Amino acid sequence: MSGFMAVGTDGSAPALDAVVLAAREAEVRGLALRVVHALARPARLPLDTVLPRAVRERFRQEADAVLDEAVLRARTTAPGVDVSGLVRPGDALGVLLEESRTAELVAVGHRGLNAFTGPLLGSTAAGLAAHARCPVLVVRVPEVPTGPIVLGLDGSPAGSAALRFAFEEAAAQRAHVVAVHAWTAWNSPLPPPTDPSEPYAYAPGQLAAEEERLLAETLAGTSDRYPDVKVERRTVQGPTRPALIEASRTARLTVVGARGRGGFTGLLLGSVSQAVLHHAHSPVAVVRG
């Protein structure tokens, strides 16, 4: 455990929202906070171009101003948190990925100054969620101080890290967990009948009961370790993506694994986590197993 989390800032409104939420997160988790700004070369400038000293100093002054504003916002939000600032050379994604090697959590706004995607996800947030070495908190909306921690579960081993993260978060914030498990006949495995003479199908209601049992068993051990965290189990018959996006409307945080049992193993980020990152109504945490 490194004892710190990092948050990226570029001076944009979504980045400052991320700084505020990161300060709150560091406060409840008892972590130090490192506010990081990437000092990139001007776009379309050849790599071998030597910038005049005056230009370099101006870029550095602008970077320091962006960082100072974010550090002040973090310290004002959470005065008891040890907040430090760092300007690192490089592109935003590369700098934040490097931070993720040692941080316990990295936060970022869903888009930055150079994004043209409107409400959708920017390239830095998408790349960080796909490649970071620690959990990633993507701030889609300003801080949501109330509501449950919504957790998407499909019963896969890859979801165990997201499960632990959600319960740790709920315990730290004194919130309850809404565990959402969406299923259809297409994404639920159909076991062969024990008697070859029986039809190769579920009896009416059996599939729903099996999915409810799967969710209960998935939660059982973690619930025992966090007895003070109240859990609402919610099984939904239907596609996973709209179920989680709808549940996020009342959430303070939505937690998903990087990919689940329905994804191809080579994918760094599954379709469900991508959809939630693009369309959730709350901040989103992506946790890799």
C-alpha atoms as a PDB file:
ATOM      1  CA  MET A   1       0.000   0.000   0.000  1.00  0.00           C
ATOM      2  CA  SER A   2       1.540   3.288  -1.144  1.00  0.00           C
ATOM      3  CA  GLY A   3      -0.512   5.556   1.084  1.00  0.00           C
ATOM      4  CA  PHE A   4      -1.397   8.058  -1.653  1.00  0.00           C
ATOM      5  CA  MET A   5      -3.759   8.564  -4.563  1.00  0.00           C
ATOM      6  CA  ALA A   6      -3.220  10.725  -7.622  1.00  0.00           C
ATOM      7  CA  VAL A   7      -5.481  12.995  -9.626  1.00  0.00           C
ATOM      8  CA  GLY A   8      -4.790  14.556 -12.995  1.00  0.00           C
ATOM      9  CA  THR A   9      -5.604  18.154 -13.792  1.00  0.00           C
ATOM     10  CA  ASP A  10      -5.424  20.304 -16.923  1.00  0.00           C
ATOM     11  CA  GLY A  11      -7.401  23.293 -15.683  1.00  0.00           C
ATOM     12  CA  SER A  12     -10.695  22.214 -17.256  1.00  0.00           C
ATOM     13  CA  ALA A  13     -13.966  22.115 -15.321  1.00  0.00           C
ATOM     14  CA  PRO A  14     -14.166  18.278 -15.410  1.00  0.00           C
ATOM     15  CA  ALA A  15     -10.589  18.092 -14.113  1.00  0.00           C
ATOM     16  CA  LEU A  16     -11.383  20.408 -11.197  1.00  0.00           C
ATOM     17  CA  ASP A  17     -14.458  18.287 -10.416  1.00  0.00           C
ATOM     18  CA  ALA A  18     -12.102  15.299 -10.293  1.00  0.00           C
ATOM     19  CA  VAL A  19      -9.772  17.165  -7.937  1.00  0.00           C
ATOM     20  CA  VAL A  20     -12.640  17.889  -5.536  1.00  0.00           C
ATOM     21  CA  LEU A  21     -13.845  14.283  -5.529  1.00  0.00           C
ATOM     22  CA  ALA A  22     -10.278  12.997  -5.198  1.00  0.00           C
ATOM     23  CA  ALA A  23      -9.744  15.196  -2.148  1.00  0.00           C
ATOM     24  CA  ARG A  24     -12.893  13.778  -0.556  1.00  0.00           C
ATOM     25  CA  GLU A  25     -11.789  10.263  -1.462  1.00  0.00           C
ATOM     26  CA  ALA A  26      -8.334  10.754   0.025  1.00  0.00           C
ATOM     27  CA  GLU A  27      -9.942  12.133   3.168  1.00  0.00           C
ATOM     28  CA  VAL A  28     -12.244   9.163   3.801  1.00  0.00           C
ATOM     29  CA  ARG A  29      -9.538   6.634   2.908  1.00  0.00           C
ATOM     30  CA  GLY A  30      -6.824   8.323   4.983  1.00  0.00           C
ATOM     31  CA  LEU A  31      -4.538   8.812   1.983  1.00  0.00           C
ATOM     32  CA  ALA A  32      -2.258  11.606   0.842  1.00  0.00           C
ATOM     33  CA  LEU A  33      -3.216  13.247  -2.460  1.00  0.00           C
ATOM     34  CA  ARG A  34      -0.862  14.039  -5.325  1.00  0.00           C
ATOM     35  CA  VAL A  35      -2.220  16.498  -7.891  1.00  0.00           C
ATOM     36  CA  VAL A  36      -0.459  15.970 -11.217  1.00  0.00           C
ATOM     37  CA  HIS A  37      -0.299  18.145 -14.325  1.00  0.00           C
ATOM     38  CA  ALA A  38       1.304  16.907 -17.542  1.00  0.00           C
ATOM     39  CA  LEU A  39       3.537  19.387 -19.334  1.00  0.00           C
ATOM     40  CA  ALA A  40       3.285  18.262 -22.950  1.00  0.00           C
ATOM     41  CA  ARG A  41       5.010  19.702 -25.985  1.00  0.00           C
ATOM     42  CA  PRO A  42       2.833  21.934 -28.164  1.00  0.00           C
ATOM     43  CA  ALA A  43       0.811  19.930 -30.661  1.00  0.00           C
ATOM     44  CA  ARG A  44       2.245  19.267 -34.118  1.00  0.00           C
ATOM     45  CA  LEU A  45       5.694  20.481 -33.073  1.00  0.00           C
ATOM     46  CA  PRO A  46       8.515  18.189 -34.319  1.00  0.00           C
ATOM     47  CA  LEU A  47      10.228  16.281 -31.520  1.00  0.00           C
ATOM     48  CA  ASP A  48      13.663  17.653 -32.416  1.00  0.00           C
ATOM     49  CA  THR A  49      12.511  21.277 -32.193  1.00  0.00           C
ATOM     50  CA  VAL A  50      14.374  23.260 -29.540  1.00  0.00           C
ATOM     51  CA  LEU A  51      12.097  25.824 -27.943  1.00  0.00           C
ATOM     52  CA  PRO A  52      13.506  29.208 -26.946  1.00  0.00           C
ATOM     53  CA  ARG A  53      14.059  29.631 -23.241  1.00  0.00           C
ATOM     54  CA  ALA A  54      11.387  32.322 -22.957  1.00  0.00           C
ATOM     55  CA  VAL A  55       8.805  29.996 -24.520  1.00  0.00           C
ATOM     56  CA  ARG A  56       9.764  27.140 -22.201  1.00  0.00           C
ATOM     57  CA  GLU A  57       9.462  29.421 -19.192  1.00  0.00           C
ATOM     58  CA  ARG A  58       6.045  30.632 -20.308  1.00  0.00           C
ATOM     59  CA  PHE A  59       4.754  27.070 -20.696  1.00  0.00           C
ATOM     60  CA  ARG A  60       6.104  26.217 -17.258  1.00  0.00           C
ATOM     61  CA  GLN A  61       4.474  29.272 -15.688  1.00  0.00           C
ATOM     62  CA  GLU A  62       1.138  28.331 -17.243  1.00  0.00           C
ATOM     63  CA  ALA A  63       1.515  24.769 -15.972  1.00  0.00           C
ATOM     64  CA  ASP A  64       2.348  25.998 -12.474  1.00  0.00           C
ATOM     65  CA  ALA A  65      -0.753  28.209 -12.501  1.00  0.00           C
ATOM     66  CA  VAL A  66      -2.979  25.277 -13.472  1.00  0.00           C
ATOM     67  CA  LEU A  67      -1.422  23.130 -10.775  1.00  0.00           C
ATOM     68  CA  ASP A  68      -1.633  25.812  -8.091  1.00  0.00           C
ATOM     69  CA  GLU A  69      -5.357  26.298  -8.729  1.00  0.00           C
ATOM     70  CA  ALA A  70      -6.013  22.566  -8.442  1.00  0.00           C
ATOM     71  CA  VAL A  71      -3.899  22.156  -5.293  1.00  0.00           C
ATOM     72  CA  LEU A  72      -5.717  25.071  -3.673  1.00  0.00           C
ATOM     73  CA  ARG A  73      -9.081  23.522  -4.593  1.00  0.00           C
ATOM     74  CA  ALA A  74      -8.018  20.192  -3.042  1.00  0.00           C
ATOM     75  CA  ARG A  75      -6.731  21.779   0.169  1.00  0.00           C
ATOM     76  CA  THR A  76      -9.875  23.877   0.522  1.00  0.00           C
ATOM     77  CA  THR A  77     -12.062  20.816   0.013  1.00  0.00           C
ATOM     78  CA  ALA A  78     -10.207  18.588   2.482  1.00  0.00           C
ATOM     79  CA  PRO A  79      -7.977  20.659   4.805  1.00  0.00           C
ATOM     80  CA  GLY A  80      -6.814  17.598   6.722  1.00  0.00           C
ATOM     81  CA  VAL A  81      -5.385  15.820   3.678  1.00  0.00           C
ATOM     82  CA  ASP A  82      -1.684  15.986   2.825  1.00  0.00           C
ATOM     83  CA  VAL A  83      -1.876  17.514  -0.676  1.00  0.00           C
ATOM     84  CA  SER A  84       1.146  17.912  -2.935  1.00  0.00           C
ATOM     85  CA  GLY A  85       1.476  19.102  -6.529  1.00  0.00           C
ATOM     86  CA  LEU A  86       3.660  17.834  -9.335  1.00  0.00           C
ATOM     87  CA  VAL A  87       4.298  18.973 -12.895  1.00  0.00           C
ATOM     88  CA  ARG A  88       5.640  16.096 -15.003  1.00  0.00           C
ATOM     89  CA  PRO A  89       6.812  16.329 -18.616  1.00  0.00           C
ATOM     90  CA  GLY A  90       4.915  14.162 -21.073  1.00  0.00           C
ATOM     91  CA  ASP A  91       1.427  13.576 -22.402  1.00  0.00           C
ATOM     92  CA  ALA A  92      -1.427  13.309 -19.908  1.00  0.00           C
ATOM     93  CA  LEU A  93      -2.117   9.614 -20.441  1.00  0.00           C
ATOM     94  CA  GLY A  94       1.515   8.581 -20.139  1.00  0.00           C
ATOM     95  CA  VAL A  95       2.034  10.654 -17.003  1.00  0.00           C
ATOM     96  CA  LEU A  96      -1.065   9.260 -15.280  1.00  0.00           C
ATOM     97  CA  LEU A  97      -0.228   5.696 -16.260  1.00  0.00           C
ATOM     98  CA  GLU A  98       3.157   6.150 -14.621  1.00  0.00           C
ATOM     99  CA  GLU A  99       1.420   7.444 -11.484  1.00  0.00           C
ATOM    100  CA  SER A 100      -0.802   4.350 -11.472  1.00  0.00           C
ATOM    101  CA  ARG A 101       2.237   2.135 -10.907  1.00  0.00           C
ATOM    102  CA  THR A 102       2.595   3.312  -7.313  1.00  0.00           C
ATOM    103  CA  ALA A 103      -0.724   4.990  -6.414  1.00  0.00           C
ATOM    104  CA  GLU A 104      -3.576   3.163  -4.712  1.00  0.00           C
ATOM    105  CA  LEU A 105      -6.097   4.997  -6.876  1.00  0.00           C
ATOM    106  CA  VAL A 106      -5.935   7.470  -9.782  1.00  0.00           C
ATOM    107  CA  ALA A 107      -8.737   9.950 -10.486  1.00  0.00           C
ATOM    108  CA  VAL A 108      -9.380  11.883 -13.676  1.00  0.00           C
ATOM    109  CA  GLY A 109     -12.145  13.945 -15.247  1.00  0.00           C
ATOM    110  CA  HIS A 110     -14.125  12.238 -17.992  1.00  0.00           C
ATOM    111  CA  ARG A 111     -12.769  14.686 -20.561  1.00  0.00           C
ATOM    112  CA  GLY A 112     -10.295  17.554 -20.682  1.00  0.00           C
ATOM    113  CA  LEU A 113      -9.490  20.768 -22.485  1.00  0.00           C
ATOM    114  CA  ASN A 114      -8.803  19.104 -25.826  1.00  0.00           C
ATOM    115  CA  ALA A 115     -11.834  16.810 -25.888  1.00  0.00           C
ATOM    116  CA  PHE A 116     -14.496  17.204 -28.570  1.00  0.00           C
ATOM    117  CA  THR A 117     -16.708  14.350 -27.378  1.00  0.00           C
ATOM    118  CA  GLY A 118     -19.207  16.415 -25.404  1.00  0.00           C
ATOM    119  CA  PRO A 119     -20.625  14.284 -22.603  1.00  0.00           C
ATOM    120  CA  LEU A 120     -18.780  11.184 -23.767  1.00  0.00           C
ATOM    121  CA  LEU A 121     -15.409   9.928 -22.606  1.00  0.00           C
ATOM    122  CA  GLY A 122     -12.151  11.620 -23.570  1.00  0.00           C
ATOM    123  CA  SER A 123      -9.116   9.694 -24.793  1.00  0.00           C
ATOM    124  CA  THR A 124      -7.104  10.197 -21.586  1.00  0.00           C
ATOM    125  CA  ALA A 125      -9.847   8.817 -19.331  1.00  0.00           C
ATOM    126  CA  ALA A 126     -10.506   5.922 -21.713  1.00  0.00           C
ATOM    127  CA  GLY A 127      -6.827   5.024 -22.007  1.00  0.00           C
ATOM    128  CA  LEU A 128      -6.291   5.272 -18.265  1.00  0.00           C
ATOM    129  CA  ALA A 129      -9.266   3.013 -17.506  1.00  0.00           C
ATOM    130  CA  ALA A 130      -7.958   0.446 -19.976  1.00  0.00           C
ATOM    131  CA  HIS A 131      -4.279   0.404 -19.010  1.00  0.00           C
ATOM    132  CA  ALA A 132      -3.816   1.668 -15.431  1.00  0.00           C
ATOM    133  CA  ARG A 133      -2.100  -0.559 -12.870  1.00  0.00           C
ATOM    134  CA  CYS A 134      -4.486   0.492 -10.068  1.00  0.00           C
ATOM    135  CA  PRO A 135      -8.206   1.287  -9.796  1.00  0.00           C
ATOM    136  CA  VAL A 136      -9.304   4.324 -11.788  1.00  0.00           C
ATOM    137  CA  LEU A 137     -11.931   6.844 -10.687  1.00  0.00           C
ATOM    138  CA  VAL A 138     -13.486   8.661 -13.653  1.00  0.00           C
ATOM    139  CA  VAL A 139     -15.483  11.703 -12.594  1.00  0.00           C
ATOM    140  CA  ARG A 140     -18.373  12.236 -14.981  1.00  0.00           C
ATOM    141  CA  VAL A 141     -20.358  14.661 -12.838  1.00  0.00           C
ATOM    142  CA  PRO A 142     -19.554  16.941  -9.910  1.00  0.00           C
ATOM    143  CA  GLU A 143     -19.412  15.254  -6.538  1.00  0.00           C
ATOM    144  CA  VAL A 144     -22.498  13.254  -5.559  1.00  0.00           C
ATOM    145  CA  PRO A 145     -22.390  13.191  -1.732  1.00  0.00           C
ATOM    146  CA  THR A 146     -25.335  10.861  -1.174  1.00  0.00           C
ATOM    147  CA  GLY A 147     -26.697   7.605  -2.522  1.00  0.00           C
ATOM    148  CA  PRO A 148     -25.430   4.044  -2.552  1.00  0.00           C
ATOM    149  CA  ILE A 149     -22.353   2.449  -4.069  1.00  0.00           C
ATOM    150  CA  VAL A 150     -23.676   0.631  -7.140  1.00  0.00           C
ATOM    151  CA  LEU A 151     -21.683  -2.488  -7.952  1.00  0.00           C
ATOM    152  CA  GLY A 152     -21.983  -4.439 -11.181  1.00  0.00           C
ATOM    153  CA  LEU A 153     -21.447  -8.185 -10.722  1.00  0.00           C
ATOM    154  CA  ASP A 154     -21.600 -11.109 -13.125  1.00  0.00           C
ATOM    155  CA  GLY A 155     -20.130 -13.840 -10.947  1.00  0.00           C
ATOM    156  CA  SER A 156     -16.807 -13.948 -12.786  1.00  0.00           C
ATOM    157  CA  PRO A 157     -13.459 -14.186 -10.954  1.00  0.00           C
ATOM    158  CA  ALA A 158     -12.458 -10.923 -12.657  1.00  0.00           C
ATOM    159  CA  GLY A 159     -15.137  -9.151 -10.621  1.00  0.00           C
ATOM    160  CA  SER A 160     -13.660 -10.059  -7.231  1.00  0.00           C
ATOM    161  CA  ALA A 161     -11.385  -6.984  -7.163  1.00  0.00           C
ATOM    162  CA  ALA A 162     -14.319  -4.693  -7.969  1.00  0.00           C
ATOM    163  CA  LEU A 163     -16.300  -6.393  -5.226  1.00  0.00           C
ATOM    164  CA  ARG A 164     -13.623  -5.709  -2.615  1.00  0.00           C
ATOM    165  CA  PHE A 165     -13.194  -2.123  -3.802  1.00  0.00           C
ATOM    166  CA  ALA A 166     -16.924  -1.396  -3.575  1.00  0.00           C
ATOM    167  CA  PHE A 167     -17.199  -2.727  -0.025  1.00  0.00           C
ATOM    168  CA  GLU A 168     -14.085  -0.837   1.082  1.00  0.00           C
ATOM    169  CA  GLU A 169     -15.583   2.310  -0.413  1.00  0.00           C
ATOM    170  CA  ALA A 170     -18.939   1.729   1.265  1.00  0.00           C
ATOM    171  CA  ALA A 171     -17.276   1.125   4.625  1.00  0.00           C
ATOM    172  CA  ALA A 172     -15.163   4.283   4.298  1.00  0.00           C
ATOM    173  CA  GLN A 173     -18.103   6.453   3.237  1.00  0.00           C
ATOM    174  CA  ARG A 174     -20.666   4.762   5.513  1.00  0.00           C
ATOM    175  CA  ALA A 175     -22.810   4.015   2.506  1.00  0.00           C
ATOM    176  CA  HIS A 176     -24.690   0.907   1.479  1.00  0.00           C
ATOM    177  CA  VAL A 177     -24.044  -1.251  -1.571  1.00  0.00           C
ATOM    178  CA  VAL A 178     -26.518  -1.997  -4.339  1.00  0.00           C
ATOM    179  CA  ALA A 179     -25.194  -5.111  -6.060  1.00  0.00           C
ATOM    180  CA  VAL A 180     -26.656  -5.357  -9.559  1.00  0.00           C
ATOM    181  CA  HIS A 181     -26.587  -8.607 -11.497  1.00  0.00           C
ATOM    182  CA  ALA A 182     -28.261  -8.486 -14.896  1.00  0.00           C
ATOM    183  CA  TRP A 183     -28.892 -11.670 -16.842  1.00  0.00           C
ATOM    184  CA  THR A 184     -30.574 -13.005 -19.943  1.00  0.00           C
ATOM    185  CA  ALA A 185     -31.038 -16.508 -21.269  1.00  0.00           C
ATOM    186  CA  TRP A 186     -28.223 -15.723 -23.712  1.00  0.00           C
ATOM    187  CA  ASN A 187     -25.518 -14.843 -21.186  1.00  0.00           C
ATOM    188  CA  SER A 188     -26.382 -17.518 -18.597  1.00  0.00           C
ATOM    189  CA  PRO A 189     -24.786 -20.923 -19.147  1.00  0.00           C
ATOM    190  CA  LEU A 190     -27.239 -23.759 -19.705  1.00  0.00           C
ATOM    191  CA  PRO A 191     -26.071 -26.955 -17.951  1.00  0.00           C
ATOM    192  CA  PRO A 192     -27.001 -30.333 -19.424  1.00  0.00           C
ATOM    193  CA  PRO A 193     -29.841 -32.192 -17.682  1.00  0.00           C
ATOM    194  CA  THR A 194     -28.891 -34.807 -15.093  1.00  0.00           C
ATOM    195  CA  ASP A 195     -31.275 -37.240 -16.757  1.00  0.00           C
ATOM    196  CA  PRO A 196     -30.787 -37.607 -20.539  1.00  0.00           C
ATOM    197  CA  SER A 197     -34.525 -38.119 -20.910  1.00  0.00           C
ATOM    198  CA  GLU A 198     -35.240 -34.641 -19.565  1.00  0.00           C
ATOM    199  CA  PRO A 199     -35.455 -31.631 -21.923  1.00  0.00           C
ATOM    200  CA  TYR A 200     -32.320 -29.543 -22.315  1.00  0.00           C
ATOM    201  CA  ALA A 201     -33.867 -26.477 -20.726  1.00  0.00           C
ATOM    202  CA  TYR A 202     -34.638 -24.798 -17.431  1.00  0.00           C
ATOM    203  CA  ALA A 203     -37.940 -25.298 -15.722  1.00  0.00           C
ATOM    204  CA  PRO A 204     -40.043 -22.108 -15.484  1.00  0.00           C
ATOM    205  CA  GLY A 205     -38.469 -19.777 -12.925  1.00  0.00           C
ATOM    206  CA  GLN A 206     -35.384 -21.948 -12.457  1.00  0.00           C
ATOM    207  CA  LEU A 207     -33.043 -19.663 -14.374  1.00  0.00           C
ATOM    208  CA  ALA A 208     -34.052 -16.608 -12.329  1.00  0.00           C
ATOM    209  CA  ALA A 209     -33.548 -18.582  -9.119  1.00  0.00           C
ATOM    210  CA  GLU A 210     -30.105 -19.720 -10.292  1.00  0.00           C
ATOM    211  CA  GLU A 211     -29.045 -16.149 -11.026  1.00  0.00           C
ATOM    212  CA  GLU A 212     -30.258 -14.945  -7.627  1.00  0.00           C
ATOM    213  CA  ARG A 213     -28.311 -17.770  -5.987  1.00  0.00           C
ATOM    214  CA  LEU A 214     -25.199 -16.823  -7.988  1.00  0.00           C
ATOM    215  CA  LEU A 215     -25.396 -13.228  -6.767  1.00  0.00           C
ATOM    216  CA  ALA A 216     -25.926 -14.290  -3.146  1.00  0.00           C
ATOM    217  CA  GLU A 217     -22.954 -16.666  -3.266  1.00  0.00           C
ATOM    218  CA  THR A 218     -20.737 -14.044  -4.901  1.00  0.00           C
ATOM    219  CA  LEU A 219     -21.474 -11.575  -2.110  1.00  0.00           C
ATOM    220  CA  ALA A 220     -21.420 -13.987   0.817  1.00  0.00           C
ATOM    221  CA  GLY A 221     -17.757 -13.937   1.850  1.00  0.00           C
ATOM    222  CA  THR A 222     -17.259 -10.210   1.369  1.00  0.00           C
ATOM    223  CA  SER A 223     -20.443  -9.378   3.273  1.00  0.00           C
ATOM    224  CA  ASP A 224     -19.122 -11.407   6.209  1.00  0.00           C
ATOM    225  CA  ARG A 225     -15.904  -9.343   6.215  1.00  0.00           C
ATOM    226  CA  TYR A 226     -17.857  -6.066   6.199  1.00  0.00           C
ATOM    227  CA  PRO A 227     -20.771  -6.746   8.576  1.00  0.00           C
ATOM    228  CA  ASP A 228     -21.587  -3.046   8.967  1.00  0.00           C
ATOM    229  CA  VAL A 229     -22.134  -2.514   5.226  1.00  0.00           C
ATOM    230  CA  LYS A 230     -25.754  -3.004   4.238  1.00  0.00           C
ATOM    231  CA  VAL A 231     -26.266  -4.712   0.891  1.00  0.00           C
ATOM    232  CA  GLU A 232     -29.230  -4.643  -1.451  1.00  0.00           C
ATOM    233  CA  ARG A 233     -29.142  -7.518  -3.942  1.00  0.00           C
ATOM    234  CA  ARG A 234     -30.748  -6.636  -7.254  1.00  0.00           C
ATOM    235  CA  THR A 235     -31.118  -9.213 -10.037  1.00  0.00           C
ATOM    236  CA  VAL A 236     -32.393  -7.774 -13.293  1.00  0.00           C
ATOM    237  CA  GLN A 237     -33.579  -9.760 -16.276  1.00  0.00           C
ATOM    238  CA  GLY A 238     -32.196  -7.890 -19.218  1.00  0.00           C
ATOM    239  CA  PRO A 239     -28.954  -6.531 -20.713  1.00  0.00           C
ATOM    240  CA  THR A 240     -26.278  -5.469 -18.253  1.00  0.00           C
ATOM    241  CA  ARG A 241     -25.367  -2.094 -19.702  1.00  0.00           C
ATOM    242  CA  PRO A 242     -28.756  -0.343 -19.424  1.00  0.00           C
ATOM    243  CA  ALA A 243     -29.333  -1.928 -15.996  1.00  0.00           C
ATOM    244  CA  LEU A 244     -26.136  -0.406 -14.577  1.00  0.00           C
ATOM    245  CA  ILE A 245     -26.598   2.947 -16.286  1.00  0.00           C
ATOM    246  CA  GLU A 246     -30.123   3.205 -14.877  1.00  0.00           C
ATOM    247  CA  ALA A 247     -28.931   2.198 -11.387  1.00  0.00           C
ATOM    248  CA  SER A 248     -26.237   4.889 -11.555  1.00  0.00           C
ATOM    249  CA  ARG A 249     -28.915   7.633 -11.568  1.00  0.00           C
ATOM    250  CA  THR A 250     -29.151   7.509  -7.775  1.00  0.00           C
ATOM    251  CA  ALA A 251     -25.577   6.376  -7.013  1.00  0.00           C
ATOM    252  CA  ARG A 252     -22.741   8.302  -5.445  1.00  0.00           C
ATOM    253  CA  LEU A 253     -20.377   5.916  -7.254  1.00  0.00           C
ATOM    254  CA  THR A 254     -20.716   3.073  -9.748  1.00  0.00           C
ATOM    255  CA  VAL A 255     -18.089   0.322  -9.554  1.00  0.00           C
ATOM    256  CA  VAL A 256     -17.362  -2.114 -12.381  1.00  0.00           C
ATOM    257  CA  GLY A 257     -14.638  -4.571 -13.235  1.00  0.00           C
ATOM    258  CA  ALA A 258     -12.509  -3.967 -16.296  1.00  0.00           C
ATOM    259  CA  ARG A 259     -14.184  -6.899 -18.020  1.00  0.00           C
ATOM    260  CA  GLY A 260     -16.423  -9.803 -17.044  1.00  0.00           C
ATOM    261  CA  ARG A 261     -17.325 -13.316 -18.030  1.00  0.00           C
ATOM    262  CA  GLY A 262     -18.924 -12.254 -21.298  1.00  0.00           C
ATOM    263  CA  GLY A 263     -15.865 -10.512 -22.730  1.00  0.00           C
ATOM    264  CA  PHE A 264     -12.985 -11.759 -24.811  1.00  0.00           C
ATOM    265  CA  THR A 265      -9.953 -12.338 -22.603  1.00  0.00           C
ATOM    266  CA  GLY A 266      -7.748 -10.171 -24.805  1.00  0.00           C
ATOM    267  CA  LEU A 267      -9.848  -7.059 -24.246  1.00  0.00           C
ATOM    268  CA  LEU A 268      -8.421  -4.604 -21.735  1.00  0.00           C
ATOM    269  CA  LEU A 269     -11.818  -3.016 -21.209  1.00  0.00           C
ATOM    270  CA  GLY A 270     -15.070  -4.880 -21.706  1.00  0.00           C
ATOM    271  CA  SER A 271     -18.163  -3.528 -23.436  1.00  0.00           C
ATOM    272  CA  VAL A 272     -20.067  -3.123 -20.159  1.00  0.00           C
ATOM    273  CA  SER A 273     -17.368  -1.057 -18.463  1.00  0.00           C
ATOM    274  CA  GLN A 274     -16.955   1.037 -21.617  1.00  0.00           C
ATOM    275  CA  ALA A 275     -20.692   1.747 -21.780  1.00  0.00           C
ATOM    276  CA  VAL A 276     -20.841   2.699 -18.095  1.00  0.00           C
ATOM    277  CA  LEU A 277     -17.839   5.003 -18.481  1.00  0.00           C
ATOM    278  CA  HIS A 278     -19.514   6.762 -21.398  1.00  0.00           C
ATOM    279  CA  HIS A 279     -23.056   7.039 -20.079  1.00  0.00           C
ATOM    280  CA  ALA A 280     -23.244   6.676 -16.276  1.00  0.00           C
ATOM    281  CA  HIS A 281     -24.948   9.388 -14.231  1.00  0.00           C
ATOM    282  CA  SER A 282     -22.390   9.146 -11.417  1.00  0.00           C
ATOM    283  CA  PRO A 283     -18.624   8.920 -11.007  1.00  0.00           C
ATOM    284  CA  VAL A 284     -17.329   5.505 -12.111  1.00  0.00           C
ATOM    285  CA  ALA A 285     -14.586   3.334 -10.654  1.00  0.00           C
ATOM    286  CA  VAL A 286     -13.004   0.740 -12.954  1.00  0.00           C
ATOM    287  CA  VAL A 287     -11.167  -1.976 -11.060  1.00  0.00           C
ATOM    288  CA  ARG A 288      -8.906  -4.452 -12.782  1.00  0.00           C
ATOM    289  CA  GLY A 289      -8.596  -7.961 -11.338  1.00  0.00           C
END
